[in-house]
Structure formats: C-alpha cells, structure tokens
Amino acid sequence: MIKLNFVGASKGNPGKAGHGGIFRNHEGQPLLLYFGSIGWDTNNSVELEGVWQGMNLVHQHNFHPLIIEGDSQNLINMVTQI
C-alpha cells in the first residue's frame, strides 16, 4: 500500500502559491517527494494542482494500491463528486 499526502497553500488567497506532496510505503517510509511554485493563485486551485501533480507521479511510478490524503475539504468534496 502506498499513501500520498498532498498540500497546497496561498499566502493571501489569492496570493503567492505552491504545492507539494509525499509518497510513503506501508511502513511510513518516504518514497518520493514533490513540490512546486505556482506563482499567484487561490487556495483551492493550488490544492487541486497538488493532487494533480501527485496523480501524474502515481502513473509514472506505478504506485498501486494507493490511499490519498489531503487537508482541503473543498477539494475532497469536489473530487468525490466527479
């Protein structure tokens, strides 16, 4: 089992924004980290970018089975409705 924890934040909303995440194995050991600067954006948009970049890495590295965790209730609601 692989777990992805992702995050995104903007200072000001909108404001300076960035995203990141970490993949861990079933023992909690880090496998892969990622992060990026978005420039100027909103919290919701940059949270979405964080999970999107994580999903790209899931496919590149064949990280399955997968659990995804994030702290944005707005994004979780949006994704579970899609």
Protein backbone atom coordinates (compact mmCIF):
# COMPACT_ATOMS: atom_id res chain seq x y z
CA MET A 1 0.00 0.00 0.00
CA ILE A 2 1.27 3.48 -0.92
CA LYS A 3 -0.03 6.68 0.69
CA LEU A 4 0.04 10.12 -0.90
CA ASN A 5 -0.27 13.17 1.35
CA PHE A 6 -0.62 16.37 -0.70
CA VAL A 7 -0.98 20.03 0.15
CA GLY A 8 -1.34 23.41 -1.49
CA ALA A 9 -1.38 26.89 0.00
CA SER A 10 -1.51 30.53 -1.00
CA LYS A 11 -0.45 33.49 1.10
CA GLY A 12 -3.41 35.85 0.94
CA ASN A 13 -5.86 33.79 -1.15
CA PRO A 14 -5.20 34.74 -3.83
CA GLY A 15 -1.50 35.22 -3.29
CA LYS A 16 1.88 33.58 -3.68
CA ALA A 17 1.11 29.89 -4.01
CA GLY A 18 2.76 26.48 -4.02
CA HIS A 19 2.01 22.79 -3.69
CA GLY A 20 3.73 19.61 -2.61
CA GLY A 21 3.31 16.05 -1.55
CA ILE A 22 4.94 12.93 -0.21
CA PHE A 23 4.52 9.27 -1.09
CA ARG A 24 5.16 6.73 1.69
CA ASN A 25 5.22 2.96 1.79
CA HIS A 26 3.16 0.78 4.15
CA GLU A 27 5.75 1.34 6.90
CA GLY A 28 5.55 5.14 6.58
CA GLN A 29 8.97 5.46 4.95
CA PRO A 30 9.24 8.22 2.33
CA LEU A 31 9.44 7.04 -1.27
CA LEU A 32 9.14 10.28 -3.24
CA LEU A 33 8.68 13.99 -2.51
CA TYR A 34 7.48 16.66 -4.91
CA PHE A 35 6.79 20.39 -4.73
CA GLY A 36 6.33 23.40 -6.94
CA SER A 37 5.64 27.10 -7.03
CA ILE A 38 2.51 28.23 -8.85
CA GLY A 39 3.07 31.97 -8.69
CA TRP A 40 -0.14 33.83 -7.82
CA ASP A 41 -3.25 31.70 -7.24
CA THR A 42 -6.05 30.72 -4.83
CA ASN A 43 -6.02 28.03 -2.13
CA ASN A 44 -8.50 25.79 -3.97
CA SER A 45 -6.65 26.00 -7.26
CA VAL A 46 -3.27 25.23 -5.76
CA GLU A 47 -4.68 22.30 -3.71
CA LEU A 48 -6.01 20.89 -6.98
CA GLU A 49 -2.59 21.34 -8.59
CA GLY A 50 -1.03 19.46 -5.66
CA VAL A 51 -3.23 16.40 -6.12
CA TRP A 52 -2.97 16.61 -9.93
CA GLN A 53 0.84 16.54 -9.82
CA GLY A 54 0.64 13.65 -7.38
CA MET A 55 -1.61 11.69 -9.73
CA ASN A 56 0.85 12.22 -12.58
CA LEU A 57 3.57 10.69 -10.40
CA VAL A 58 1.29 7.78 -9.43
CA HIS A 59 1.07 6.83 -13.11
CA GLN A 60 4.78 7.40 -13.79
CA HIS A 61 5.91 5.21 -10.87
CA ASN A 62 3.03 2.71 -10.84
CA PHE A 63 2.19 3.44 -7.20
CA HIS A 64 -0.65 0.99 -6.53
CA PRO A 65 -2.68 0.33 -4.43
CA LEU A 66 -2.97 3.94 -3.28
CA ILE A 67 -4.50 5.95 -0.44
CA ILE A 68 -4.75 9.72 -0.91
CA GLU A 69 -4.95 12.19 1.97
CA GLY A 70 -5.31 15.95 1.88
CA ASP A 71 -6.50 18.68 4.22
CA SER A 72 -8.78 20.58 1.84
CA GLN A 73 -12.43 19.72 2.47
CA ASN A 74 -13.42 21.76 -0.61
CA LEU A 75 -11.14 19.70 -2.85
CA ILE A 76 -12.20 16.38 -1.29
CA ASN A 77 -15.86 17.27 -1.88
CA MET A 78 -15.11 18.29 -5.46
CA VAL A 79 -13.15 15.13 -6.29
CA THR A 80 -15.60 12.71 -4.70
CA GLN A 81 -18.46 14.22 -6.73
CA ILE A 82 -16.64 13.79 -10.08
